[in-house]
Amino acid sequence: MTQQPQKTFYRASGETPPTPQHQPVRHNLIVENRSSLTATGIRQVISYDEYTATVLTDLGTLIIGGKNLKVSELSCQSGELKVSGEIEYIQYEERREKKGGFLGRLTR
């Protein structure tokens, strides 16, 4: 008995096929003399200016704050980020799970 390949159907309403879950990437921070930071496991740079750099990791949003910050290197393939300047703080924001619509907001 041969197995038939499983068929998947999608609605014509423009619904995109589900993407496979990504594997968590190892995340490390190295701070040298509060003037240089190397971070690995970066998924996306959300925003940055001379005072803050906000990036997305598997562990939540990472905010790097200070003065004269410069993003000197970003590798999308390896997920490595290098920031230089006067680093004053590093802060994580937890990932927020979305509650289910109107009913979820009522039960908070």
PDB file of N, CA and C in Angstrom:
ATOM      1  N   MET A   1       0.850  -1.180   0.000  1.00  0.00           N
ATOM      2  CA  MET A   1       0.000   0.000   0.000  1.00  0.00           C
ATOM      3  C   MET A   1       0.892   1.240   0.000  1.00  0.00           C
ATOM      4  N   THR A   2       0.762   2.110  -0.988  1.00  0.00           N
ATOM      5  CA  THR A   2       1.561   3.329  -1.068  1.00  0.00           C
ATOM      6  C   THR A   2       0.797   4.488  -0.468  1.00  0.00           C
ATOM      7  N   GLN A   3       1.545   5.374   0.173  1.00  0.00           N
ATOM      8  CA  GLN A   3       0.911   6.544   0.779  1.00  0.00           C
ATOM      9  C   GLN A   3       0.781   7.650  -0.241  1.00  0.00           C
ATOM     10  N   GLN A   4      -0.359   8.262  -0.253  1.00  0.00           N
ATOM     11  CA  GLN A   4      -0.596   9.414  -1.110  1.00  0.00           C
ATOM     12  C   GLN A   4      -0.003  10.640  -0.436  1.00  0.00           C
ATOM     13  N   PRO A   5       0.649  11.557  -1.196  1.00  0.00           N
ATOM     14  CA  PRO A   5       1.135  12.788  -0.567  1.00  0.00           C
ATOM     15  C   PRO A   5      -0.037  13.601  -0.040  1.00  0.00           C
ATOM     16  N   GLN A   6       0.173  14.188   1.100  1.00  0.00           N
ATOM     17  CA  GLN A   6      -0.884  14.974   1.726  1.00  0.00           C
ATOM     18  C   GLN A   6      -1.031  16.303   1.011  1.00  0.00           C
ATOM     19  N   LYS A   7      -2.257  16.664   0.684  1.00  0.00           N
ATOM     20  CA  LYS A   7      -2.520  17.917  -0.019  1.00  0.00           C
ATOM     21  C   LYS A   7      -2.921  18.990   0.983  1.00  0.00           C
ATOM     22  N   THR A   8      -2.492  20.202   0.706  1.00  0.00           N
ATOM     23  CA  THR A   8      -2.841  21.336   1.544  1.00  0.00           C
ATOM     24  C   THR A   8      -3.573  22.348   0.683  1.00  0.00           C
ATOM     25  N   PHE A   9      -4.691  22.844   1.167  1.00  0.00           N
ATOM     26  CA  PHE A   9      -5.481  23.813   0.429  1.00  0.00           C
ATOM     27  C   PHE A   9      -5.489  25.142   1.163  1.00  0.00           C
ATOM     28  N   TYR A  10      -5.439  26.240   0.406  1.00  0.00           N
ATOM     29  CA  TYR A  10      -5.482  27.574   0.970  1.00  0.00           C
ATOM     30  C   TYR A  10      -6.631  28.333   0.342  1.00  0.00           C
ATOM     31  N   ARG A  11      -7.210  29.200   1.096  1.00  0.00           N
ATOM     32  CA  ARG A  11      -8.321  30.006   0.591  1.00  0.00           C
ATOM     33  C   ARG A  11      -7.846  30.985  -0.459  1.00  0.00           C
ATOM     34  N   ALA A  12      -8.728  31.311  -1.366  1.00  0.00           N
ATOM     35  CA  ALA A  12      -8.402  32.255  -2.438  1.00  0.00           C
ATOM     36  C   ALA A  12      -8.426  33.695  -1.957  1.00  0.00           C
ATOM     37  N   SER A  13      -8.677  33.912  -0.686  1.00  0.00           N
ATOM     38  CA  SER A  13      -8.790  35.269  -0.153  1.00  0.00           C
ATOM     39  C   SER A  13      -7.442  35.931   0.063  1.00  0.00           C
ATOM     40  N   GLY A  14      -6.385  35.367  -0.498  1.00  0.00           N
ATOM     41  CA  GLY A  14      -5.072  35.956  -0.328  1.00  0.00           C
ATOM     42  C   GLY A  14      -4.348  35.436   0.897  1.00  0.00           C
ATOM     43  N   GLU A  15      -4.887  34.414   1.525  1.00  0.00           N
ATOM     44  CA  GLU A  15      -4.258  33.844   2.714  1.00  0.00           C
ATOM     45  C   GLU A  15      -2.941  33.200   2.304  1.00  0.00           C
ATOM     46  N   THR A  16      -1.903  33.487   3.037  1.00  0.00           N
ATOM     47  CA  THR A  16      -0.591  32.935   2.711  1.00  0.00           C
ATOM     48  C   THR A  16      -0.401  31.615   3.430  1.00  0.00           C
ATOM     49  N   PRO A  17       0.399  30.727   2.847  1.00  0.00           N
ATOM     50  CA  PRO A  17       0.639  29.451   3.513  1.00  0.00           C
ATOM     51  C   PRO A  17       1.386  29.660   4.822  1.00  0.00           C
ATOM     52  N   PRO A  18       1.155  28.808   5.794  1.00  0.00           N
ATOM     53  CA  PRO A  18       1.852  28.968   7.081  1.00  0.00           C
ATOM     54  C   PRO A  18       3.348  28.738   6.900  1.00  0.00           C
ATOM     55  N   THR A  19       4.128  29.504   7.637  1.00  0.00           N
ATOM     56  CA  THR A  19       5.577  29.347   7.583  1.00  0.00           C
ATOM     57  C   THR A  19       6.002  28.434   8.720  1.00  0.00           C
ATOM     58  N   PRO A  20       7.019  27.611   8.495  1.00  0.00           N
ATOM     59  CA  PRO A  20       7.471  26.752   9.587  1.00  0.00           C
ATOM     60  C   PRO A  20       8.052  27.596  10.712  1.00  0.00           C
ATOM     61  N   GLN A  21       7.901  27.116  11.935  1.00  0.00           N
ATOM     62  CA  GLN A  21       8.429  27.835  13.093  1.00  0.00           C
ATOM     63  C   GLN A  21       9.947  27.898  12.997  1.00  0.00           C
ATOM     64  N   HIS A  22      10.509  29.068  13.248  1.00  0.00           N
ATOM     65  CA  HIS A  22      11.961  29.191  13.188  1.00  0.00           C
ATOM     66  C   HIS A  22      12.577  28.641  14.469  1.00  0.00           C
ATOM     67  N   GLN A  23      13.758  28.109  14.327  1.00  0.00           N
ATOM     68  CA  GLN A  23      14.487  27.587  15.460  1.00  0.00           C
ATOM     69  C   GLN A  23      15.060  28.748  16.259  1.00  0.00           C
ATOM     70  N   PRO A  24      15.020  28.689  17.579  1.00  0.00           N
ATOM     71  CA  PRO A  24      15.630  29.754  18.377  1.00  0.00           C
ATOM     72  C   PRO A  24      17.124  29.863  18.073  1.00  0.00           C
ATOM     73  N   VAL A  25      17.596  31.079  17.961  1.00  0.00           N
ATOM     74  CA  VAL A  25      18.992  31.331  17.668  1.00  0.00           C
ATOM     75  C   VAL A  25      19.695  31.679  18.969  1.00  0.00           C
ATOM     76  N   ARG A  26      20.897  31.196  19.125  1.00  0.00           N
ATOM     77  CA  ARG A  26      21.690  31.503  20.311  1.00  0.00           C
ATOM     78  C   ARG A  26      21.925  32.999  20.409  1.00  0.00           C
ATOM     79  N   HIS A  27      21.722  33.566  21.576  1.00  0.00           N
ATOM     80  CA  HIS A  27      21.811  35.010  21.768  1.00  0.00           C
ATOM     81  C   HIS A  27      22.871  35.318  22.821  1.00  0.00           C
ATOM     82  N   ASN A  28      23.856  36.134  22.448  1.00  0.00           N
ATOM     83  CA  ASN A  28      24.927  36.519  23.367  1.00  0.00           C
ATOM     84  C   ASN A  28      25.179  38.018  23.267  1.00  0.00           C
ATOM     85  N   LEU A  29      25.630  38.605  24.374  1.00  0.00           N
ATOM     86  CA  LEU A  29      26.035  40.008  24.409  1.00  0.00           C
ATOM     87  C   LEU A  29      27.450  40.087  24.951  1.00  0.00           C
ATOM     88  N   ILE A  30      28.288  40.870  24.282  1.00  0.00           N
ATOM     89  CA  ILE A  30      29.635  41.134  24.771  1.00  0.00           C
ATOM     90  C   ILE A  30      29.799  42.641  24.818  1.00  0.00           C
ATOM     91  N   VAL A  31      30.048  43.178  26.011  1.00  0.00           N
ATOM     92  CA  VAL A  31      30.251  44.613  26.186  1.00  0.00           C
ATOM     93  C   VAL A  31      31.707  44.820  26.599  1.00  0.00           C
ATOM     94  N   GLU A  32      32.392  45.679  25.857  1.00  0.00           N
ATOM     95  CA  GLU A  32      33.797  45.963  26.153  1.00  0.00           C
ATOM     96  C   GLU A  32      33.948  47.425  26.547  1.00  0.00           C
ATOM     97  N   ASN A  33      34.362  47.636  27.800  1.00  0.00           N
ATOM     98  CA  ASN A  33      34.638  48.980  28.334  1.00  0.00           C
ATOM     99  C   ASN A  33      33.487  49.970  28.145  1.00  0.00           C
ATOM    100  N   ARG A  34      32.281  49.471  28.121  1.00  0.00           N
ATOM    101  CA  ARG A  34      31.079  50.301  27.936  1.00  0.00           C
ATOM    102  C   ARG A  34      31.156  51.181  26.684  1.00  0.00           C
ATOM    103  N   SER A  35      32.007  50.825  25.748  1.00  0.00           N
ATOM    104  CA  SER A  35      32.120  51.617  24.522  1.00  0.00           C
ATOM    105  C   SER A  35      31.897  50.786  23.266  1.00  0.00           C
ATOM    106  N   SER A  36      31.794  49.480  23.411  1.00  0.00           N
ATOM    107  CA  SER A  36      31.591  48.607  22.268  1.00  0.00           C
ATOM    108  C   SER A  36      30.722  47.434  22.683  1.00  0.00           C
ATOM    109  N   LEU A  37      29.723  47.112  21.880  1.00  0.00           N
ATOM    110  CA  LEU A  37      28.834  45.993  22.169  1.00  0.00           C
ATOM    111  C   LEU A  37      28.727  45.128  20.927  1.00  0.00           C
ATOM    112  N   THR A  38      28.863  43.832  21.112  1.00  0.00           N
ATOM    113  CA  THR A  38      28.632  42.864  20.043  1.00  0.00           C
ATOM    114  C   THR A  38      27.505  41.959  20.506  1.00  0.00           C
ATOM    115  N   ALA A  39      26.473  41.832  19.684  1.00  0.00           N
ATOM    116  CA  ALA A  39      25.326  40.998  20.018  1.00  0.00           C
ATOM    117  C   ALA A  39      25.115  39.983  18.907  1.00  0.00           C
ATOM    118  N   THR A  40      24.842  38.738  19.289  1.00  0.00           N
ATOM    119  CA  THR A  40      24.502  37.710  18.314  1.00  0.00           C
ATOM    120  C   THR A  40      23.065  37.272  18.557  1.00  0.00           C
ATOM    121  N   GLY A  41      22.486  36.620  17.577  1.00  0.00           N
ATOM    122  CA  GLY A  41      21.100  36.168  17.695  1.00  0.00           C
ATOM    123  C   GLY A  41      20.094  37.270  17.452  1.00  0.00           C
ATOM    124  N   ILE A  42      20.485  38.298  16.690  1.00  0.00           N
ATOM    125  CA  ILE A  42      19.583  39.408  16.384  1.00  0.00           C
ATOM    126  C   ILE A  42      18.719  39.029  15.191  1.00  0.00           C
ATOM    127  N   ARG A  43      17.429  39.137  15.341  1.00  0.00           N
ATOM    128  CA  ARG A  43      16.495  38.822  14.258  1.00  0.00           C
ATOM    129  C   ARG A  43      16.241  40.034  13.362  1.00  0.00           C
ATOM    130  N   GLN A  44      16.124  41.218  13.987  1.00  0.00           N
ATOM    131  CA  GLN A  44      15.749  42.405  13.220  1.00  0.00           C
ATOM    132  C   GLN A  44      16.133  43.655  13.995  1.00  0.00           C
ATOM    133  N   VAL A  45      16.583  44.680  13.274  1.00  0.00           N
ATOM    134  CA  VAL A  45      16.798  45.987  13.887  1.00  0.00           C
ATOM    135  C   VAL A  45      15.501  46.762  13.709  1.00  0.00           C
ATOM    136  N   ILE A  46      14.875  47.142  14.801  1.00  0.00           N
ATOM    137  CA  ILE A  46      13.607  47.863  14.741  1.00  0.00           C
ATOM    138  C   ILE A  46      13.861  49.337  14.478  1.00  0.00           C
ATOM    139  N   SER A  47      14.774  49.940  15.249  1.00  0.00           N
ATOM    140  CA  SER A  47      15.110  51.350  15.044  1.00  0.00           C
ATOM    141  C   SER A  47      16.417  51.653  15.757  1.00  0.00           C
ATOM    142  N   TYR A  48      17.052  52.730  15.330  1.00  0.00           N
ATOM    143  CA  TYR A  48      18.222  53.211  16.059  1.00  0.00           C
ATOM    144  C   TYR A  48      18.477  54.665  15.718  1.00  0.00           C
ATOM    145  N   ASP A  49      19.071  55.367  16.675  1.00  0.00           N
ATOM    146  CA  ASP A  49      19.546  56.735  16.482  1.00  0.00           C
ATOM    147  C   ASP A  49      20.768  56.895  17.386  1.00  0.00           C
ATOM    148  N   GLU A  50      21.195  58.112  17.626  1.00  0.00           N
ATOM    149  CA  GLU A  50      22.416  58.285  18.413  1.00  0.00           C
ATOM    150  C   GLU A  50      22.229  58.014  19.906  1.00  0.00           C
ATOM    151  N   TYR A  51      20.979  57.827  20.362  1.00  0.00           N
ATOM    152  CA  TYR A  51      20.709  57.597  21.779  1.00  0.00           C
ATOM    153  C   TYR A  51      20.234  56.186  22.104  1.00  0.00           C
ATOM    154  N   THR A  52      19.561  55.512  21.171  1.00  0.00           N
ATOM    155  CA  THR A  52      19.064  54.157  21.428  1.00  0.00           C
ATOM    156  C   THR A  52      19.133  53.309  20.166  1.00  0.00           C
ATOM    157  N   ALA A  53      19.296  52.020  20.387  1.00  0.00           N
ATOM    158  CA  ALA A  53      19.179  51.022  19.322  1.00  0.00           C
ATOM    159  C   ALA A  53      18.209  49.974  19.836  1.00  0.00           C
ATOM    160  N   THR A  54      17.167  49.679  19.086  1.00  0.00           N
ATOM    161  CA  THR A  54      16.148  48.721  19.469  1.00  0.00           C
ATOM    162  C   THR A  54      16.174  47.576  18.480  1.00  0.00           C
ATOM    163  N   VAL A  55      16.399  46.368  18.985  1.00  0.00           N
ATOM    164  CA  VAL A  55      16.516  45.198  18.121  1.00  0.00           C
ATOM    165  C   VAL A  55      15.641  44.072  18.652  1.00  0.00           C
ATOM    166  N   LEU A  56      15.293  43.149  17.765  1.00  0.00           N
ATOM    167  CA  LEU A  56      14.432  42.027  18.114  1.00  0.00           C
ATOM    168  C   LEU A  56      15.265  40.754  18.211  1.00  0.00           C
ATOM    169  N   THR A  57      15.095  40.030  19.328  1.00  0.00           N
ATOM    170  CA  THR A  57      15.752  38.741  19.527  1.00  0.00           C
ATOM    171  C   THR A  57      14.673  37.721  19.858  1.00  0.00           C
ATOM    172  N   ASP A  58      15.053  36.444  19.918  1.00  0.00           N
ATOM    173  CA  ASP A  58      14.098  35.410  20.324  1.00  0.00           C
ATOM    174  C   ASP A  58      13.706  35.533  21.788  1.00  0.00           C
ATOM    175  N   LEU A  59      14.507  36.252  22.581  1.00  0.00           N
ATOM    176  CA  LEU A  59      14.237  36.412  24.007  1.00  0.00           C
ATOM    177  C   LEU A  59      13.442  37.669  24.317  1.00  0.00           C
ATOM    178  N   GLY A  60      13.084  38.434  23.304  1.00  0.00           N
ATOM    179  CA  GLY A  60      12.342  39.669  23.492  1.00  0.00           C
ATOM    180  C   GLY A  60      13.043  40.823  22.797  1.00  0.00           C
ATOM    181  N   THR A  61      12.529  42.005  22.994  1.00  0.00           N
ATOM    182  CA  THR A  61      13.108  43.204  22.399  1.00  0.00           C
ATOM    183  C   THR A  61      14.256  43.688  23.272  1.00  0.00           C
ATOM    184  N   LEU A  62      15.385  43.983  22.642  1.00  0.00           N
ATOM    185  CA  LEU A  62      16.566  44.461  23.336  1.00  0.00           C
ATOM    186  C   LEU A  62      16.755  45.930  23.021  1.00  0.00           C
ATOM    187  N   ILE A  63      16.892  46.749  24.069  1.00  0.00           N
ATOM    188  CA  ILE A  63      17.099  48.184  23.902  1.00  0.00           C
ATOM    189  C   ILE A  63      18.473  48.526  24.462  1.00  0.00           C
ATOM    190  N   ILE A  64      19.288  49.144  23.613  1.00  0.00           N
ATOM    191  CA  ILE A  64      20.626  49.569  24.007  1.00  0.00           C
ATOM    192  C   ILE A  64      20.595  51.090  24.050  1.00  0.00           C
ATOM    193  N   GLY A  65      20.916  51.676  25.188  1.00  0.00           N
ATOM    194  CA  GLY A  65      20.838  53.126  25.335  1.00  0.00           C
ATOM    195  C   GLY A  65      22.176  53.725  25.685  1.00  0.00           C
ATOM    196  N   GLY A  66      22.362  54.977  25.273  1.00  0.00           N
ATOM    197  CA  GLY A  66      23.597  55.668  25.586  1.00  0.00           C
ATOM    198  C   GLY A  66      23.713  56.960  24.807  1.00  0.00           C
ATOM    199  N   LYS A  67      24.946  57.342  24.502  1.00  0.00           N
ATOM    200  CA  LYS A  67      25.207  58.580  23.757  1.00  0.00           C
ATOM    201  C   LYS A  67      26.121  58.263  22.588  1.00  0.00           C
ATOM    202  N   ASN A  68      25.944  58.999  21.512  1.00  0.00           N
ATOM    203  CA  ASN A  68      26.781  58.858  20.311  1.00  0.00           C
ATOM    204  C   ASN A  68      26.853  57.416  19.817  1.00  0.00           C
ATOM    205  N   LEU A  69      25.723  56.701  19.875  1.00  0.00           N
ATOM    206  CA  LEU A  69      25.708  55.311  19.442  1.00  0.00           C
ATOM    207  C   LEU A  69      25.765  55.234  17.925  1.00  0.00           C
ATOM    208  N   LYS A  70      26.537  54.278  17.448  1.00  0.00           N
ATOM    209  CA  LYS A  70      26.656  54.027  16.015  1.00  0.00           C
ATOM    210  C   LYS A  70      26.548  52.532  15.792  1.00  0.00           C
ATOM    211  N   VAL A  71      25.651  52.136  14.899  1.00  0.00           N
ATOM    212  CA  VAL A  71      25.575  50.739  14.489  1.00  0.00           C
ATOM    213  C   VAL A  71      26.598  50.581  13.380  1.00  0.00           C
ATOM    214  N   SER A  72      27.716  49.931  13.706  1.00  0.00           N
ATOM    215  CA  SER A  72      28.813  49.859  12.750  1.00  0.00           C
ATOM    216  C   SER A  72      28.738  48.623  11.873  1.00  0.00           C
ATOM    217  N   GLU A  73      28.031  47.597  12.321  1.00  0.00           N
ATOM    218  CA  GLU A  73      27.968  46.377  11.533  1.00  0.00           C
ATOM    219  C   GLU A  73      26.689  45.629  11.862  1.00  0.00           C
ATOM    220  N   LEU A  74      26.053  45.105  10.831  1.00  0.00           N
ATOM    221  CA  LEU A  74      24.879  44.260  11.004  1.00  0.00           C
ATOM    222  C   LEU A  74      24.907  43.205   9.925  1.00  0.00           C
ATOM    223  N   SER A  75      24.909  41.954  10.329  1.00  0.00           N
ATOM    224  CA  SER A  75      24.877  40.852   9.385  1.00  0.00           C
ATOM    225  C   SER A  75      23.529  40.163   9.519  1.00  0.00           C
ATOM    226  N   CYS A  76      22.712  40.252   8.493  1.00  0.00           N
ATOM    227  CA  CYS A  76      21.393  39.624   8.534  1.00  0.00           C
ATOM    228  C   CYS A  76      21.502  38.102   8.505  1.00  0.00           C
ATOM    229  N   GLN A  77      22.535  37.580   7.864  1.00  0.00           N
ATOM    230  CA  GLN A  77      22.677  36.129   7.765  1.00  0.00           C
ATOM    231  C   GLN A  77      23.125  35.514   9.081  1.00  0.00           C
ATOM    232  N   SER A  78      24.109  36.120   9.738  1.00  0.00           N
ATOM    233  CA  SER A  78      24.597  35.545  10.995  1.00  0.00           C
ATOM    234  C   SER A  78      23.868  36.104  12.208  1.00  0.00           C
ATOM    235  N   GLY A  79      23.151  37.219  12.048  1.00  0.00           N
ATOM    236  CA  GLY A  79      22.443  37.825  13.171  1.00  0.00           C
ATOM    237  C   GLY A  79      23.350  38.542  14.132  1.00  0.00           C
ATOM    238  N   GLU A  80      24.507  39.022  13.651  1.00  0.00           N
ATOM    239  CA  GLU A  80      25.458  39.707  14.522  1.00  0.00           C
ATOM    240  C   GLU A  80      25.340  41.215  14.347  1.00  0.00           C
ATOM    241  N   LEU A  81      25.376  41.921  15.456  1.00  0.00           N
ATOM    242  CA  LEU A  81      25.253  43.374  15.474  1.00  0.00           C
ATOM    243  C   LEU A  81      26.398  43.956  16.283  1.00  0.00           C
ATOM    244  N   LYS A  82      26.999  45.041  15.791  1.00  0.00           N
ATOM    245  CA  LYS A  82      28.048  45.739  16.541  1.00  0.00           C
ATOM    246  C   LYS A  82      27.625  47.188  16.718  1.00  0.00           C
ATOM    247  N   VAL A  83      27.695  47.643  17.969  1.00  0.00           N
ATOM    248  CA  VAL A  83      27.326  49.013  18.322  1.00  0.00           C
ATOM    249  C   VAL A  83      28.502  49.626  19.063  1.00  0.00           C
ATOM    250  N   SER A  84      28.830  50.882  18.719  1.00  0.00           N
ATOM    251  CA  SER A  84      29.882  51.591  19.445  1.00  0.00           C
ATOM    252  C   SER A  84      29.338  52.915  19.940  1.00  0.00           C
ATOM    253  N   GLY A  85      29.993  53.492  20.933  1.00  0.00           N
ATOM    254  CA  GLY A  85      29.561  54.740  21.551  1.00  0.00           C
ATOM    255  C   GLY A  85      29.649  54.612  23.064  1.00  0.00           C
ATOM    256  N   GLU A  86      28.973  55.499  23.776  1.00  0.00           N
ATOM    257  CA  GLU A  86      28.936  55.449  25.241  1.00  0.00           C
ATOM    258  C   GLU A  86      27.696  54.671  25.673  1.00  0.00           C
ATOM    259  N   ILE A  87      27.881  53.402  25.985  1.00  0.00           N
ATOM    260  CA  ILE A  87      26.757  52.532  26.348  1.00  0.00           C
ATOM    261  C   ILE A  87      26.418  52.759  27.819  1.00  0.00           C
ATOM    262  N   GLU A  88      25.181  53.188  28.079  1.00  0.00           N
ATOM    263  CA  GLU A  88      24.742  53.474  29.450  1.00  0.00           C
ATOM    264  C   GLU A  88      23.834  52.396  30.018  1.00  0.00           C
ATOM    265  N   TYR A  89      23.029  51.745  29.173  1.00  0.00           N
ATOM    266  CA  TYR A  89      22.153  50.692  29.678  1.00  0.00           C
ATOM    267  C   TYR A  89      21.781  49.714  28.571  1.00  0.00           C
ATOM    268  N   ILE A  90      21.421  48.513  29.025  1.00  0.00           N
ATOM    269  CA  ILE A  90      20.918  47.457  28.160  1.00  0.00           C
ATOM    270  C   ILE A  90      19.663  46.933  28.839  1.00  0.00           C
ATOM    271  N   GLN A  91      18.572  46.875  28.088  1.00  0.00           N
ATOM    272  CA  GLN A  91      17.282  46.512  28.690  1.00  0.00           C
ATOM    273  C   GLN A  91      16.543  45.559  27.766  1.00  0.00           C
ATOM    274  N   TYR A  92      15.905  44.541  28.356  1.00  0.00           N
ATOM    275  CA  TYR A  92      15.045  43.629  27.601  1.00  0.00           C
ATOM    276  C   TYR A  92      13.593  43.940  27.913  1.00  0.00           C
ATOM    277  N   GLU A  93      12.759  43.846  26.899  1.00  0.00           N
ATOM    278  CA  GLU A  93      11.316  43.878  27.087  1.00  0.00           C
ATOM    279  C   GLU A  93      10.810  42.498  26.724  1.00  0.00           C
ATOM    280  N   GLU A  94       9.974  41.934  27.566  1.00  0.00           N
ATOM    281  CA  GLU A  94       9.459  40.600  27.324  1.00  0.00           C
ATOM    282  C   GLU A  94       8.565  40.595  26.092  1.00  0.00           C
ATOM    283  N   ARG A  95       8.560  39.435  25.434  1.00  0.00           N
ATOM    284  CA  ARG A  95       7.634  39.267  24.312  1.00  0.00           C
ATOM    285  C   ARG A  95       6.226  39.237  24.866  1.00  0.00           C
ATOM    286  N   ARG A  96       5.348  39.937  24.228  1.00  0.00           N
ATOM    287  CA  ARG A  96       3.952  39.964  24.673  1.00  0.00           C
ATOM    288  C   ARG A  96       3.143  39.041  23.788  1.00  0.00           C
ATOM    289  N   GLU A  97       2.468  38.106  24.445  1.00  0.00           N
ATOM    290  CA  GLU A  97       1.590  37.210  23.705  1.00  0.00           C
ATOM    291  C   GLU A  97       0.285  37.947  23.449  1.00  0.00           C
ATOM    292  N   LYS A  98      -0.206  37.814  22.230  1.00  0.00           N
ATOM    293  CA  LYS A  98      -1.454  38.500  21.892  1.00  0.00           C
ATOM    294  C   LYS A  98      -2.626  37.751  22.506  1.00  0.00           C
ATOM    295  N   LYS A  99      -3.469  38.487  23.174  1.00  0.00           N
ATOM    296  CA  LYS A  99      -4.676  37.911  23.742  1.00  0.00           C
ATOM    297  C   LYS A  99      -5.723  37.859  22.635  1.00  0.00           C
ATOM    298  N   GLY A 100      -6.688  37.024  22.789  1.00  0.00           N
ATOM    299  CA  GLY A 100      -7.690  36.797  21.760  1.00  0.00           C
ATOM    300  C   GLY A 100      -8.723  37.895  21.649  1.00  0.00           C
ATOM    301  N   GLY A 101      -8.464  38.922  20.882  1.00  0.00           N
ATOM    302  CA  GLY A 101      -9.432  39.939  20.484  1.00  0.00           C
ATOM    303  C   GLY A 101     -10.164  40.608  21.633  1.00  0.00           C
ATOM    304  N   PHE A 102     -11.434  40.874  21.391  1.00  0.00           N
ATOM    305  CA  PHE A 102     -12.281  41.595  22.332  1.00  0.00           C
ATOM    306  C   PHE A 102     -12.441  40.832  23.642  1.00  0.00           C
ATOM    307  N   LEU A 103     -12.667  39.534  23.555  1.00  0.00           N
ATOM    308  CA  LEU A 103     -12.864  38.737  24.761  1.00  0.00           C
ATOM    309  C   LEU A 103     -11.606  38.714  25.613  1.00  0.00           C
ATOM    310  N   GLY A 104     -10.441  38.654  24.975  1.00  0.00           N
ATOM    311  CA  GLY A 104      -9.181  38.695  25.715  1.00  0.00           C
ATOM    312  C   GLY A 104      -8.981  39.991  26.466  1.00  0.00           C
ATOM    313  N   ARG A 105      -9.400  41.112  25.862  1.00  0.00           N
ATOM    314  CA  ARG A 105      -9.271  42.402  26.531  1.00  0.00           C
ATOM    315  C   ARG A 105     -10.233  42.526  27.717  1.00  0.00           C
ATOM    316  N   LEU A 106     -11.380  41.889  27.610  1.00  0.00           N
ATOM    317  CA  LEU A 106     -12.350  41.936  28.705  1.00  0.00           C
ATOM    318  C   LEU A 106     -11.855  41.171  29.935  1.00  0.00           C
ATOM    319  N   THR A 107     -11.075  40.115  29.706  1.00  0.00           N
ATOM    320  CA  THR A 107     -10.664  39.270  30.828  1.00  0.00           C
ATOM    321  C   THR A 107      -9.332  39.667  31.437  1.00  0.00           C
ATOM    322  N   ARG A 108      -8.773  40.773  31.040  1.00  0.00           N
ATOM    323  CA  ARG A 108      -7.488  41.210  31.637  1.00  0.00           C
ATOM    324  C   ARG A 108      -7.687  41.733  33.020  1.00  0.00           C
TER     325      ARG A 108
END
